[in-house]
């Protein structure tokens, strides 16, 4: 079995993205090749960077911003450094690349909920 992966950058454009406008969000792609014990090809599974997947990724980023589920970290302290935000998703920008990271402590939080930092 051989697995391979790569990412392609999808640019976030427009006012709806606020601080994230003109950043690059990675779209993860890849595949798996399966061979038998004699090296004969058995199966191929691919996840390609289609137009629909790019569109869905942009829509997801727009949803996270609109719903208040994502906070932006300045990246000055480096990737992985805590920034004190109580958001479900933390976005870190380094250069133009964007990295999204889930906050496990906020996994059940929903907008407009008392346990949510953005709720009232």
PDB file of N, CA and C in Angstrom:
ATOM      1  N   UNK A   1       0.852  -1.158   0.000  1.00  0.00           N
ATOM      2  CA  UNK A   1       0.000   0.000   0.000  1.00  0.00           C
ATOM      3  C   UNK A   1       0.910   1.236   0.000  1.00  0.00           C
ATOM      4  N   UNK A   2       0.587   2.188  -0.856  1.00  0.00           N
ATOM      5  CA  UNK A   2       1.330   3.444  -0.919  1.00  0.00           C
ATOM      6  C   UNK A   2       0.337   4.585  -0.762  1.00  0.00           C
ATOM      7  N   UNK A   3       0.600   5.452   0.198  1.00  0.00           N
ATOM      8  CA  UNK A   3      -0.223   6.639   0.399  1.00  0.00           C
ATOM      9  C   UNK A   3       0.611   7.862   0.058  1.00  0.00           C
ATOM     10  N   UNK A   4      -0.027   8.842  -0.550  1.00  0.00           N
ATOM     11  CA  UNK A   4       0.665  10.083  -0.876  1.00  0.00           C
ATOM     12  C   UNK A   4      -0.285  11.257  -0.642  1.00  0.00           C
ATOM     13  N   UNK A   5       0.295  12.400  -0.309  1.00  0.00           N
ATOM     14  CA  UNK A   5      -0.511  13.582  -0.004  1.00  0.00           C
ATOM     15  C   UNK A   5       0.229  14.836  -0.435  1.00  0.00           C
ATOM     16  N   UNK A   6      -0.542  15.879  -0.715  1.00  0.00           N
ATOM     17  CA  UNK A   6       0.001  17.198  -1.012  1.00  0.00           C
ATOM     18  C   UNK A   6      -1.083  18.216  -0.682  1.00  0.00           C
ATOM     19  N   UNK A   7      -0.700  19.469  -0.677  1.00  0.00           N
ATOM     20  CA  UNK A   7      -1.695  20.525  -0.473  1.00  0.00           C
ATOM     21  C   UNK A   7      -1.555  21.553  -1.581  1.00  0.00           C
ATOM     22  N   UNK A   8      -2.666  22.158  -1.916  1.00  0.00           N
ATOM     23  CA  UNK A   8      -2.697  23.251  -2.880  1.00  0.00           C
ATOM     24  C   UNK A   8      -3.319  24.448  -2.184  1.00  0.00           C
ATOM     25  N   UNK A   9      -2.781  25.623  -2.462  1.00  0.00           N
ATOM     26  CA  UNK A   9      -3.264  26.834  -1.812  1.00  0.00           C
ATOM     27  C   UNK A   9      -4.514  27.375  -2.494  1.00  0.00           C
ATOM     28  N   UNK A  10      -5.492  27.753  -1.668  1.00  0.00           N
ATOM     29  CA  UNK A  10      -6.711  28.397  -2.135  1.00  0.00           C
ATOM     30  C   UNK A  10      -6.724  29.792  -1.506  1.00  0.00           C
ATOM     31  N   UNK A  11      -6.797  30.818  -2.346  1.00  0.00           N
ATOM     32  CA  UNK A  11      -6.751  32.192  -1.842  1.00  0.00           C
ATOM     33  C   UNK A  11      -8.138  32.627  -1.375  1.00  0.00           C
ATOM     34  N   UNK A  12      -8.175  33.245  -0.205  1.00  0.00           N
ATOM     35  CA  UNK A  12      -9.414  33.797   0.335  1.00  0.00           C
ATOM     36  C   UNK A  12      -9.494  35.257  -0.110  1.00  0.00           C
ATOM     37  N   UNK A  13     -10.493  35.581  -0.905  1.00  0.00           N
ATOM     38  CA  UNK A  13     -10.643  36.925  -1.463  1.00  0.00           C
ATOM     39  C   UNK A  13     -11.972  37.520  -1.032  1.00  0.00           C
ATOM     40  N   UNK A  14     -11.971  38.811  -0.780  1.00  0.00           N
ATOM     41  CA  UNK A  14     -13.209  39.515  -0.494  1.00  0.00           C
ATOM     42  C   UNK A  14     -13.290  40.031   0.931  1.00  0.00           C
ATOM     43  N   UNK A  15     -14.161  41.004   1.106  1.00  0.00           N
ATOM     44  CA  UNK A  15     -14.325  41.667   2.401  1.00  0.00           C
ATOM     45  C   UNK A  15     -14.849  40.727   3.480  1.00  0.00           C
ATOM     46  N   UNK A  16     -15.580  39.698   3.089  1.00  0.00           N
ATOM     47  CA  UNK A  16     -16.172  38.773   4.061  1.00  0.00           C
ATOM     48  C   UNK A  16     -15.112  38.081   4.914  1.00  0.00           C
ATOM     49  N   UNK A  17     -13.859  38.037   4.441  1.00  0.00           N
ATOM     50  CA  UNK A  17     -12.798  37.338   5.158  1.00  0.00           C
ATOM     51  C   UNK A  17     -12.034  38.237   6.121  1.00  0.00           C
ATOM     52  N   UNK A  18     -12.328  39.529   6.150  1.00  0.00           N
ATOM     53  CA  UNK A  18     -11.687  40.436   7.108  1.00  0.00           C
ATOM     54  C   UNK A  18     -10.181  40.317   7.103  1.00  0.00           C
ATOM     55  N   UNK A  19      -9.593  40.011   8.282  1.00  0.00           N
ATOM     56  CA  UNK A  19      -8.136  39.883   8.421  1.00  0.00           C
ATOM     57  C   UNK A  19      -7.558  38.764   7.555  1.00  0.00           C
ATOM     58  N   UNK A  20      -8.397  37.856   7.133  1.00  0.00           N
ATOM     59  CA  UNK A  20      -7.922  36.706   6.362  1.00  0.00           C
ATOM     60  C   UNK A  20      -7.947  36.943   4.850  1.00  0.00           C
ATOM     61  N   UNK A  21      -8.396  38.120   4.419  1.00  0.00           N
ATOM     62  CA  UNK A  21      -8.406  38.437   2.990  1.00  0.00           C
ATOM     63  C   UNK A  21      -7.000  38.338   2.424  1.00  0.00           C
ATOM     64  N   UNK A  22      -6.897  37.697   1.277  1.00  0.00           N
ATOM     65  CA  UNK A  22      -5.636  37.484   0.546  1.00  0.00           C
ATOM     66  C   UNK A  22      -4.701  36.481   1.216  1.00  0.00           C
ATOM     67  N   UNK A  23      -5.202  35.715   2.188  1.00  0.00           N
ATOM     68  CA  UNK A  23      -4.383  34.643   2.749  1.00  0.00           C
ATOM     69  C   UNK A  23      -4.614  33.369   1.938  1.00  0.00           C
ATOM     70  N   UNK A  24      -3.744  32.400   2.145  1.00  0.00           N
ATOM     71  CA  UNK A  24      -3.807  31.138   1.411  1.00  0.00           C
ATOM     72  C   UNK A  24      -4.150  30.011   2.373  1.00  0.00           C
ATOM     73  N   UNK A  25      -5.249  29.339   2.101  1.00  0.00           N
ATOM     74  CA  UNK A  25      -5.707  28.227   2.929  1.00  0.00           C
ATOM     75  C   UNK A  25      -5.376  26.923   2.200  1.00  0.00           C
ATOM     76  N   UNK A  26      -4.684  25.986   2.854  1.00  0.00           N
ATOM     77  CA  UNK A  26      -4.319  24.747   2.155  1.00  0.00           C
ATOM     78  C   UNK A  26      -5.520  23.826   1.946  1.00  0.00           C
ATOM     79  N   UNK A  27      -5.606  23.294   0.740  1.00  0.00           N
ATOM     80  CA  UNK A  27      -6.582  22.272   0.392  1.00  0.00           C
ATOM     81  C   UNK A  27      -5.807  20.962   0.299  1.00  0.00           C
ATOM     82  N   UNK A  28      -6.080  20.055   1.230  1.00  0.00           N
ATOM     83  CA  UNK A  28      -5.319  18.810   1.292  1.00  0.00           C
ATOM     84  C   UNK A  28      -5.868  17.786   0.295  1.00  0.00           C
ATOM     85  N   UNK A  29      -4.960  17.160  -0.426  1.00  0.00           N
ATOM     86  CA  UNK A  29      -5.288  16.195  -1.472  1.00  0.00           C
ATOM     87  C   UNK A  29      -4.408  14.965  -1.285  1.00  0.00           C
ATOM     88  N   UNK A  30      -4.742  13.887  -1.978  1.00  0.00           N
ATOM     89  CA  UNK A  30      -3.891  12.706  -1.895  1.00  0.00           C
ATOM     90  C   UNK A  30      -4.538  11.490  -2.484  1.00  0.00           C
ATOM     91  N   UNK A  31      -3.893  10.361  -2.240  1.00  0.00           N
ATOM     92  CA  UNK A  31      -4.394   9.117  -2.782  1.00  0.00           C
ATOM     93  C   UNK A  31      -3.733   7.919  -2.137  1.00  0.00           C
ATOM     94  N   UNK A  32      -4.263   6.771  -2.489  1.00  0.00           N
ATOM     95  CA  UNK A  32      -3.737   5.499  -2.004  1.00  0.00           C
ATOM     96  C   UNK A  32      -3.693   4.517  -3.171  1.00  0.00           C
ATOM     97  N   UNK A  33      -2.551   3.860  -3.324  1.00  0.00           N
ATOM     98  CA  UNK A  33      -2.380   2.788  -4.302  1.00  0.00           C
ATOM     99  C   UNK A  33      -2.275   1.474  -3.533  1.00  0.00           C
ATOM    100  N   UNK A  34      -2.990   0.445  -3.985  1.00  0.00           N
ATOM    101  CA  UNK A  34      -2.952  -0.854  -3.313  1.00  0.00           C
ATOM    102  C   UNK A  34      -2.461  -1.901  -4.311  1.00  0.00           C
ATOM    103  N   UNK A  35      -1.490  -2.681  -3.868  1.00  0.00           N
ATOM    104  CA  UNK A  35      -0.922  -3.764  -4.677  1.00  0.00           C
ATOM    105  C   UNK A  35      -1.026  -5.065  -3.896  1.00  0.00           C
ATOM    106  N   UNK A  36      -1.025  -6.193  -4.620  1.00  0.00           N
ATOM    107  CA  UNK A  36      -0.996  -7.480  -3.933  1.00  0.00           C
ATOM    108  C   UNK A  36       0.457  -7.859  -3.631  1.00  0.00           C
ATOM    109  N   UNK A  37       0.654  -9.017  -3.043  1.00  0.00           N
ATOM    110  CA  UNK A  37       1.984  -9.475  -2.651  1.00  0.00           C
ATOM    111  C   UNK A  37       2.948  -9.650  -3.815  1.00  0.00           C
ATOM    112  N   UNK A  38       2.427  -9.777  -5.043  1.00  0.00           N
ATOM    113  CA  UNK A  38       3.272  -9.936  -6.229  1.00  0.00           C
ATOM    114  C   UNK A  38       3.516  -8.611  -6.950  1.00  0.00           C
ATOM    115  N   UNK A  39       3.007  -7.525  -6.373  1.00  0.00           N
ATOM    116  CA  UNK A  39       3.203  -6.215  -6.996  1.00  0.00           C
ATOM    117  C   UNK A  39       2.168  -5.871  -8.043  1.00  0.00           C
ATOM    118  N   UNK A  40       1.117  -6.661  -8.152  1.00  0.00           N
ATOM    119  CA  UNK A  40       0.039  -6.376  -9.102  1.00  0.00           C
ATOM    120  C   UNK A  40      -0.876  -5.295  -8.547  1.00  0.00           C
ATOM    121  N   UNK A  41      -1.194  -4.347  -9.381  1.00  0.00           N
ATOM    122  CA  UNK A  41      -2.079  -3.241  -8.992  1.00  0.00           C
ATOM    123  C   UNK A  41      -3.474  -3.769  -8.689  1.00  0.00           C
ATOM    124  N   UNK A  42      -4.034  -3.350  -7.528  1.00  0.00           N
ATOM    125  CA  UNK A  42      -5.379  -3.765  -7.144  1.00  0.00           C
ATOM    126  C   UNK A  42      -6.374  -2.618  -7.124  1.00  0.00           C
ATOM    127  N   UNK A  43      -5.944  -1.470  -6.578  1.00  0.00           N
ATOM    128  CA  UNK A  43      -6.912  -0.395  -6.360  1.00  0.00           C
ATOM    129  C   UNK A  43      -6.220   0.960  -6.267  1.00  0.00           C
ATOM    130  N   UNK A  44      -6.933   1.997  -6.693  1.00  0.00           N
ATOM    131  CA  UNK A  44      -6.481   3.385  -6.575  1.00  0.00           C
ATOM    132  C   UNK A  44      -7.630   4.214  -6.019  1.00  0.00           C
ATOM    133  N   UNK A  45      -7.362   5.005  -5.008  1.00  0.00           N
ATOM    134  CA  UNK A  45      -8.347   5.948  -4.461  1.00  0.00           C
ATOM    135  C   UNK A  45      -7.689   7.321  -4.440  1.00  0.00           C
ATOM    136  N   UNK A  46      -8.374   8.323  -4.986  1.00  0.00           N
ATOM    137  CA  UNK A  46      -7.810   9.672  -5.078  1.00  0.00           C
ATOM    138  C   UNK A  46      -8.778  10.709  -4.514  1.00  0.00           C
ATOM    139  N   UNK A  47      -8.220  11.730  -3.909  1.00  0.00           N
ATOM    140  CA  UNK A  47      -8.965  12.920  -3.506  1.00  0.00           C
ATOM    141  C   UNK A  47      -8.228  14.078  -4.182  1.00  0.00           C
ATOM    142  N   UNK A  48      -8.825  14.593  -5.255  1.00  0.00           N
ATOM    143  CA  UNK A  48      -8.168  15.595  -6.093  1.00  0.00           C
ATOM    144  C   UNK A  48      -8.623  17.014  -5.759  1.00  0.00           C
ATOM    145  N   UNK A  49      -7.853  18.007  -6.171  1.00  0.00           N
ATOM    146  CA  UNK A  49      -8.199  19.417  -5.921  1.00  0.00           C
ATOM    147  C   UNK A  49      -9.199  19.932  -6.956  1.00  0.00           C
ATOM    148  N   UNK A  50     -10.445  19.514  -6.842  1.00  0.00           N
ATOM    149  CA  UNK A  50     -11.462  19.904  -7.813  1.00  0.00           C
ATOM    150  C   UNK A  50     -11.988  21.313  -7.527  1.00  0.00           C
ATOM    151  N   UNK A  51     -12.663  21.855  -8.512  1.00  0.00           N
ATOM    152  CA  UNK A  51     -13.291  23.172  -8.355  1.00  0.00           C
ATOM    153  C   UNK A  51     -14.311  23.152  -7.214  1.00  0.00           C
ATOM    154  N   UNK A  52     -15.075  22.062  -7.114  1.00  0.00           N
ATOM    155  CA  UNK A  52     -16.080  21.947  -6.046  1.00  0.00           C
ATOM    156  C   UNK A  52     -15.441  21.896  -4.667  1.00  0.00           C
ATOM    157  N   UNK A  53     -14.315  21.200  -4.521  1.00  0.00           N
ATOM    158  CA  UNK A  53     -13.632  21.134  -3.219  1.00  0.00           C
ATOM    159  C   UNK A  53     -13.062  22.496  -2.842  1.00  0.00           C
ATOM    160  N   UNK A  54     -12.502  23.207  -3.826  1.00  0.00           N
ATOM    161  CA  UNK A  54     -11.983  24.562  -3.552  1.00  0.00           C
ATOM    162  C   UNK A  54     -13.120  25.471  -3.084  1.00  0.00           C
ATOM    163  N   UNK A  55     -14.238  25.404  -3.789  1.00  0.00           N
ATOM    164  CA  UNK A  55     -15.399  26.226  -3.444  1.00  0.00           C
ATOM    165  C   UNK A  55     -15.906  25.883  -2.039  1.00  0.00           C
ATOM    166  N   UNK A  56     -15.981  24.592  -1.713  1.00  0.00           N
ATOM    167  CA  UNK A  56     -16.455  24.163  -0.392  1.00  0.00           C
ATOM    168  C   UNK A  56     -15.513  24.650   0.713  1.00  0.00           C
ATOM    169  N   UNK A  57     -14.208  24.645   0.458  1.00  0.00           N
ATOM    170  CA  UNK A  57     -13.246  25.123   1.453  1.00  0.00           C
ATOM    171  C   UNK A  57     -13.428  26.615   1.709  1.00  0.00           C
ATOM    172  N   UNK A  58     -13.618  27.390   0.655  1.00  0.00           N
ATOM    173  CA  UNK A  58     -13.848  28.837   0.799  1.00  0.00           C
ATOM    174  C   UNK A  58     -15.153  29.080   1.554  1.00  0.00           C
ATOM    175  N   UNK A  59     -16.196  28.333   1.235  1.00  0.00           N
ATOM    176  CA  UNK A  59     -17.474  28.478   1.935  1.00  0.00           C
ATOM    177  C   UNK A  59     -17.344  28.124   3.422  1.00  0.00           C
ATOM    178  N   UNK A  60     -16.553  27.101   3.730  1.00  0.00           N
ATOM    179  CA  UNK A  60     -16.329  26.711   5.122  1.00  0.00           C
ATOM    180  C   UNK A  60     -15.613  27.825   5.888  1.00  0.00           C
ATOM    181  N   UNK A  61     -14.589  28.404   5.279  1.00  0.00           N
ATOM    182  CA  UNK A  61     -13.871  29.517   5.921  1.00  0.00           C
ATOM    183  C   UNK A  61     -14.818  30.694   6.143  1.00  0.00           C
ATOM    184  N   UNK A  62     -15.655  30.990   5.170  1.00  0.00           N
ATOM    185  CA  UNK A  62     -16.624  32.088   5.294  1.00  0.00           C
ATOM    186  C   UNK A  62     -17.612  31.795   6.425  1.00  0.00           C
ATOM    187  N   UNK A  63     -18.067  30.553   6.530  1.00  0.00           N
ATOM    188  CA  UNK A  63     -18.978  30.159   7.604  1.00  0.00           C
ATOM    189  C   UNK A  63     -18.323  30.333   8.977  1.00  0.00           C
ATOM    190  N   UNK A  64     -17.064  29.884   9.118  1.00  0.00           N
ATOM    191  CA  UNK A  64     -16.379  30.002  10.407  1.00  0.00           C
ATOM    192  C   UNK A  64     -16.272  31.450  10.849  1.00  0.00           C
ATOM    193  N   UNK A  65     -16.010  32.336   9.902  1.00  0.00           N
ATOM    194  CA  UNK A  65     -15.893  33.762  10.231  1.00  0.00           C
ATOM    195  C   UNK A  65     -17.257  34.338  10.578  1.00  0.00           C
ATOM    196  N   UNK A  66     -18.249  34.089   9.725  1.00  0.00           N
ATOM    197  CA  UNK A  66     -19.586  34.643   9.914  1.00  0.00           C
ATOM    198  C   UNK A  66     -20.212  34.181  11.222  1.00  0.00           C
ATOM    199  N   UNK A  67     -19.992  32.917  11.597  1.00  0.00           N
ATOM    200  CA  UNK A  67     -20.608  32.376  12.812  1.00  0.00           C
ATOM    201  C   UNK A  67     -19.838  32.741  14.080  1.00  0.00           C
ATOM    202  N   UNK A  68     -18.669  33.367  13.926  1.00  0.00           N
ATOM    203  CA  UNK A  68     -17.870  33.711  15.093  1.00  0.00           C
ATOM    204  C   UNK A  68     -17.155  32.521  15.699  1.00  0.00           C
ATOM    205  N   UNK A  69     -17.004  31.448  14.927  1.00  0.00           N
ATOM    206  CA  UNK A  69     -16.369  30.232  15.425  1.00  0.00           C
ATOM    207  C   UNK A  69     -14.849  30.258  15.344  1.00  0.00           C
ATOM    208  N   UNK A  70     -14.297  31.272  14.666  1.00  0.00           N
ATOM    209  CA  UNK A  70     -12.857  31.293  14.449  1.00  0.00           C
ATOM    210  C   UNK A  70     -12.264  32.611  14.931  1.00  0.00           C
ATOM    211  N   UNK A  71     -11.152  32.488  15.662  1.00  0.00           N
ATOM    212  CA  UNK A  71     -10.383  33.653  16.085  1.00  0.00           C
ATOM    213  C   UNK A  71      -9.046  33.640  15.379  1.00  0.00           C
ATOM    214  N   UNK A  72      -8.491  34.821  15.134  1.00  0.00           N
ATOM    215  CA  UNK A  72      -7.226  34.938  14.419  1.00  0.00           C
ATOM    216  C   UNK A  72      -6.107  35.210  15.407  1.00  0.00           C
ATOM    217  N   UNK A  73      -5.085  34.360  15.374  1.00  0.00           N
ATOM    218  CA  UNK A  73      -3.880  34.543  16.176  1.00  0.00           C
ATOM    219  C   UNK A  73      -2.880  35.306  15.340  1.00  0.00           C
ATOM    220  N   UNK A  74      -2.085  36.164  15.947  1.00  0.00           N
ATOM    221  CA  UNK A  74      -1.160  36.996  15.178  1.00  0.00           C
ATOM    222  C   UNK A  74       0.042  36.237  14.637  1.00  0.00           C
ATOM    223  N   UNK A  75       0.350  35.052  15.154  1.00  0.00           N
ATOM    224  CA  UNK A  75       1.469  34.267  14.660  1.00  0.00           C
ATOM    225  C   UNK A  75       2.820  34.746  15.150  1.00  0.00           C
ATOM    226  N   UNK A  76       2.869  35.836  15.893  1.00  0.00           N
ATOM    227  CA  UNK A  76       4.137  36.390  16.368  1.00  0.00           C
ATOM    228  C   UNK A  76       4.821  35.425  17.320  1.00  0.00           C
ATOM    229  N   UNK A  77       4.019  34.724  18.141  1.00  0.00           N
ATOM    230  CA  UNK A  77       4.600  33.793  19.106  1.00  0.00           C
ATOM    231  C   UNK A  77       4.969  32.460  18.463  1.00  0.00           C
ATOM    232  N   UNK A  78       4.617  32.289  17.190  1.00  0.00           N
ATOM    233  CA  UNK A  78       4.941  31.047  16.487  1.00  0.00           C
ATOM    234  C   UNK A  78       3.771  30.087  16.473  1.00  0.00           C
ATOM    235  N   UNK A  79       3.801  29.169  15.547  1.00  0.00           N
ATOM    236  CA  UNK A  79       2.734  28.182  15.429  1.00  0.00           C
ATOM    237  C   UNK A  79       2.657  27.334  16.687  1.00  0.00           C
ATOM    238  N   UNK A  80       1.449  27.101  17.128  1.00  0.00           N
ATOM    239  CA  UNK A  80       1.234  26.251  18.291  1.00  0.00           C
ATOM    240  C   UNK A  80       1.244  26.985  19.623  1.00  0.00           C
ATOM    241  N   UNK A  81       1.657  28.244  19.625  1.00  0.00           N
ATOM    242  CA  UNK A  81       1.693  29.002  20.881  1.00  0.00           C
ATOM    243  C   UNK A  81       0.277  29.400  21.275  1.00  0.00           C
ATOM    244  N   UNK A  82      -0.083  29.277  22.535  1.00  0.00           N
ATOM    245  CA  UNK A  82      -1.428  29.672  22.951  1.00  0.00           C
ATOM    246  C   UNK A  82      -1.605  31.175  22.837  1.00  0.00           C
ATOM    247  N   UNK A  83      -2.803  31.580  22.424  1.00  0.00           N
ATOM    248  CA  UNK A  83      -3.051  33.009  22.290  1.00  0.00           C
ATOM    249  C   UNK A  83      -4.182  33.469  23.193  1.00  0.00           C
ATOM    250  N   UNK A  84      -4.738  32.590  24.009  1.00  0.00           N
ATOM    251  CA  UNK A  84      -5.748  32.976  24.973  1.00  0.00           C
ATOM    252  C   UNK A  84      -7.144  33.097  24.414  1.00  0.00           C
ATOM    253  N   UNK A  85      -7.334  32.887  23.104  1.00  0.00           N
ATOM    254  CA  UNK A  85      -8.660  33.001  22.514  1.00  0.00           C
ATOM    255  C   UNK A  85      -9.525  31.796  22.842  1.00  0.00           C
ATOM    256  N   UNK A  86     -10.805  32.033  23.053  1.00  0.00           N
ATOM    257  CA  UNK A  86     -11.736  30.946  23.334  1.00  0.00           C
ATOM    258  C   UNK A  86     -12.625  30.704  22.130  1.00  0.00           C
ATOM    259  N   UNK A  87     -12.023  30.366  21.017  1.00  0.00           N
ATOM    260  CA  UNK A  87     -12.746  30.080  19.796  1.00  0.00           C
ATOM    261  C   UNK A  87     -12.627  28.594  19.482  1.00  0.00           C
ATOM    262  N   UNK A  88     -13.606  28.063  18.757  1.00  0.00           N
ATOM    263  CA  UNK A  88     -13.551  26.654  18.349  1.00  0.00           C
ATOM    264  C   UNK A  88     -12.389  26.407  17.411  1.00  0.00           C
ATOM    265  N   UNK A  89     -12.108  27.364  16.532  1.00  0.00           N
ATOM    266  CA  UNK A  89     -11.033  27.242  15.557  1.00  0.00           C
ATOM    267  C   UNK A  89     -10.112  28.445  15.704  1.00  0.00           C
ATOM    268  N   UNK A  90      -8.801  28.180  15.753  1.00  0.00           N
ATOM    269  CA  UNK A  90      -7.825  29.267  15.793  1.00  0.00           C
ATOM    270  C   UNK A  90      -7.112  29.310  14.443  1.00  0.00           C
ATOM    271  N   UNK A  91      -7.103  30.489  13.830  1.00  0.00           N
ATOM    272  CA  UNK A  91      -6.393  30.694  12.569  1.00  0.00           C
ATOM    273  C   UNK A  91      -5.088  31.412  12.872  1.00  0.00           C
ATOM    274  N   UNK A  92      -3.995  30.861  12.377  1.00  0.00           N
ATOM    275  CA  UNK A  92      -2.685  31.484  12.530  1.00  0.00           C
ATOM    276  C   UNK A  92      -2.173  31.823  11.135  1.00  0.00           C
ATOM    277  N   UNK A  93      -1.711  33.054  10.968  1.00  0.00           N
ATOM    278  CA  UNK A  93      -1.202  33.506   9.675  1.00  0.00           C
ATOM    279  C   UNK A  93       0.302  33.679   9.784  1.00  0.00           C
ATOM    280  N   UNK A  94       1.040  33.017   8.913  1.00  0.00           N
ATOM    281  CA  UNK A  94       2.485  33.214   8.815  1.00  0.00           C
ATOM    282  C   UNK A  94       2.796  33.459   7.356  1.00  0.00           C
ATOM    283  N   UNK A  95       3.294  34.668   7.068  1.00  0.00           N
ATOM    284  CA  UNK A  95       3.418  35.070   5.673  1.00  0.00           C
ATOM    285  C   UNK A  95       2.008  35.269   5.165  1.00  0.00           C
ATOM    286  N   UNK A  96       1.665  34.564   4.115  1.00  0.00           N
ATOM    287  CA  UNK A  96       0.283  34.586   3.614  1.00  0.00           C
ATOM    288  C   UNK A  96      -0.435  33.274   3.900  1.00  0.00           C
ATOM    289  N   UNK A  97       0.281  32.277   4.396  1.00  0.00           N
ATOM    290  CA  UNK A  97      -0.319  30.960   4.644  1.00  0.00           C
ATOM    291  C   UNK A  97      -1.119  30.949   5.928  1.00  0.00           C
ATOM    292  N   UNK A  98      -2.218  30.269   5.855  1.00  0.00           N
ATOM    293  CA  UNK A  98      -3.156  30.187   6.964  1.00  0.00           C
ATOM    294  C   UNK A  98      -3.171  28.755   7.489  1.00  0.00           C
ATOM    295  N   UNK A  99      -3.175  28.645   8.794  1.00  0.00           N
ATOM    296  CA  UNK A  99      -3.261  27.323   9.430  1.00  0.00           C
ATOM    297  C   UNK A  99      -4.432  27.355  10.383  1.00  0.00           C
ATOM    298  N   UNK A 100      -5.336  26.392  10.242  1.00  0.00           N
ATOM    299  CA  UNK A 100      -6.488  26.291  11.133  1.00  0.00           C
ATOM    300  C   UNK A 100      -6.236  25.173  12.130  1.00  0.00           C
ATOM    301  N   UNK A 101      -6.572  25.458  13.389  1.00  0.00           N
ATOM    302  CA  UNK A 101      -6.380  24.462  14.438  1.00  0.00           C
ATOM    303  C   UNK A 101      -7.590  24.470  15.354  1.00  0.00           C
ATOM    304  N   UNK A 102      -8.143  23.292  15.594  1.00  0.00           N
ATOM    305  CA  UNK A 102      -9.290  23.171  16.504  1.00  0.00           C
ATOM    306  C   UNK A 102      -8.835  23.317  17.947  1.00  0.00           C
ATOM    307  N   UNK A 103      -9.661  23.951  18.741  1.00  0.00           N
ATOM    308  CA  UNK A 103      -9.436  24.068  20.170  1.00  0.00           C
ATOM    309  C   UNK A 103     -10.270  22.959  20.828  1.00  0.00           C
ATOM    310  N   UNK A 104      -9.613  21.897  21.268  1.00  0.00           N
ATOM    311  CA  UNK A 104     -10.316  20.730  21.810  1.00  0.00           C
ATOM    312  C   UNK A 104     -11.215  21.098  22.991  1.00  0.00           C
ATOM    313  N   UNK A 105     -10.813  22.085  23.777  1.00  0.00           N
ATOM    314  CA  UNK A 105     -11.608  22.484  24.938  1.00  0.00           C
ATOM    315  C   UNK A 105     -12.935  23.121  24.524  1.00  0.00           C
ATOM    316  N   UNK A 106     -13.007  23.604  23.281  1.00  0.00           N
ATOM    317  CA  UNK A 106     -14.220  24.275  22.807  1.00  0.00           C
ATOM    318  C   UNK A 106     -14.987  23.419  21.805  1.00  0.00           C
ATOM    319  N   UNK A 107     -14.763  22.110  21.787  1.00  0.00           N
ATOM    320  CA  UNK A 107     -15.353  21.255  20.756  1.00  0.00           C
ATOM    321  C   UNK A 107     -16.877  21.216  20.784  1.00  0.00           C
ATOM    322  N   UNK A 108     -17.486  21.484  21.930  1.00  0.00           N
ATOM    323  CA  UNK A 108     -18.945  21.454  22.018  1.00  0.00           C
ATOM    324  C   UNK A 108     -19.559  22.853  21.978  1.00  0.00           C
ATOM    325  N   UNK A 109     -18.726  23.868  21.879  1.00  0.00           N
ATOM    326  CA  UNK A 109     -19.223  25.243  21.880  1.00  0.00           C
ATOM    327  C   UNK A 109     -19.943  25.547  20.573  1.00  0.00           C
ATOM    328  N   UNK A 110     -20.976  26.324  20.671  1.00  0.00           N
ATOM    329  CA  UNK A 110     -21.728  26.772  19.502  1.00  0.00           C
ATOM    330  C   UNK A 110     -21.957  28.272  19.644  1.00  0.00           C
ATOM    331  N   UNK A 111     -22.016  28.983  18.526  1.00  0.00           N
ATOM    332  CA  UNK A 111     -22.337  30.412  18.617  1.00  0.00           C
ATOM    333  C   UNK A 111     -23.643  30.621  19.376  1.00  0.00           C
ATOM    334  N   UNK A 112     -23.734  31.748  20.078  1.00  0.00           N
ATOM    335  CA  UNK A 112     -24.913  32.130  20.876  1.00  0.00           C
ATOM    336  C   UNK A 112     -25.174  31.158  22.024  1.00  0.00           C
ATOM    337  N   UNK A 113     -24.114  30.579  22.548  1.00  0.00           N
ATOM    338  CA  UNK A 113     -24.197  29.649  23.679  1.00  0.00           C
ATOM    339  C   UNK A 113     -23.371  30.257  24.810  1.00  0.00           C
ATOM    340  N   UNK A 114     -23.787  30.100  26.046  1.00  0.00           N
ATOM    341  CA  UNK A 114     -23.059  30.686  27.175  1.00  0.00           C
ATOM    342  C   UNK A 114     -21.624  30.212  27.253  1.00  0.00           C
ATOM    343  N   UNK A 115     -21.320  29.019  26.764  1.00  0.00           N
ATOM    344  CA  UNK A 115     -19.970  28.480  26.836  1.00  0.00           C
ATOM    345  C   UNK A 115     -19.094  28.942  25.675  1.00  0.00           C
ATOM    346  N   UNK A 116     -19.650  29.779  24.837  1.00  0.00           N
ATOM    347  CA  UNK A 116     -18.932  30.241  23.640  1.00  0.00           C
ATOM    348  C   UNK A 116     -18.434  31.657  23.884  1.00  0.00           C
ATOM    349  N   UNK A 117     -17.168  31.907  23.551  1.00  0.00           N
ATOM    350  CA  UNK A 117     -16.562  33.219  23.818  1.00  0.00           C
ATOM    351  C   UNK A 117     -17.278  34.353  23.104  1.00  0.00           C
ATOM    352  N   UNK A 118     -17.842  34.072  21.942  1.00  0.00           N
ATOM    353  CA  UNK A 118     -18.494  35.119  21.174  1.00  0.00           C
ATOM    354  C   UNK A 118     -19.965  35.284  21.521  1.00  0.00           C
ATOM    355  N   UNK A 119     -20.518  34.379  22.349  1.00  0.00           N
ATOM    356  CA  UNK A 119     -21.932  34.435  22.686  1.00  0.00           C
ATOM    357  C   UNK A 119     -22.221  35.438  23.797  1.00  0.00           C
ATOM    358  N   UNK A 120     -23.474  35.746  23.967  1.00  0.00           N
ATOM    359  CA  UNK A 120     -23.896  36.693  25.007  1.00  0.00           C
ATOM    360  C   UNK A 120     -24.893  36.037  25.935  1.00  0.00           C
TER     361      UNK A 120
END
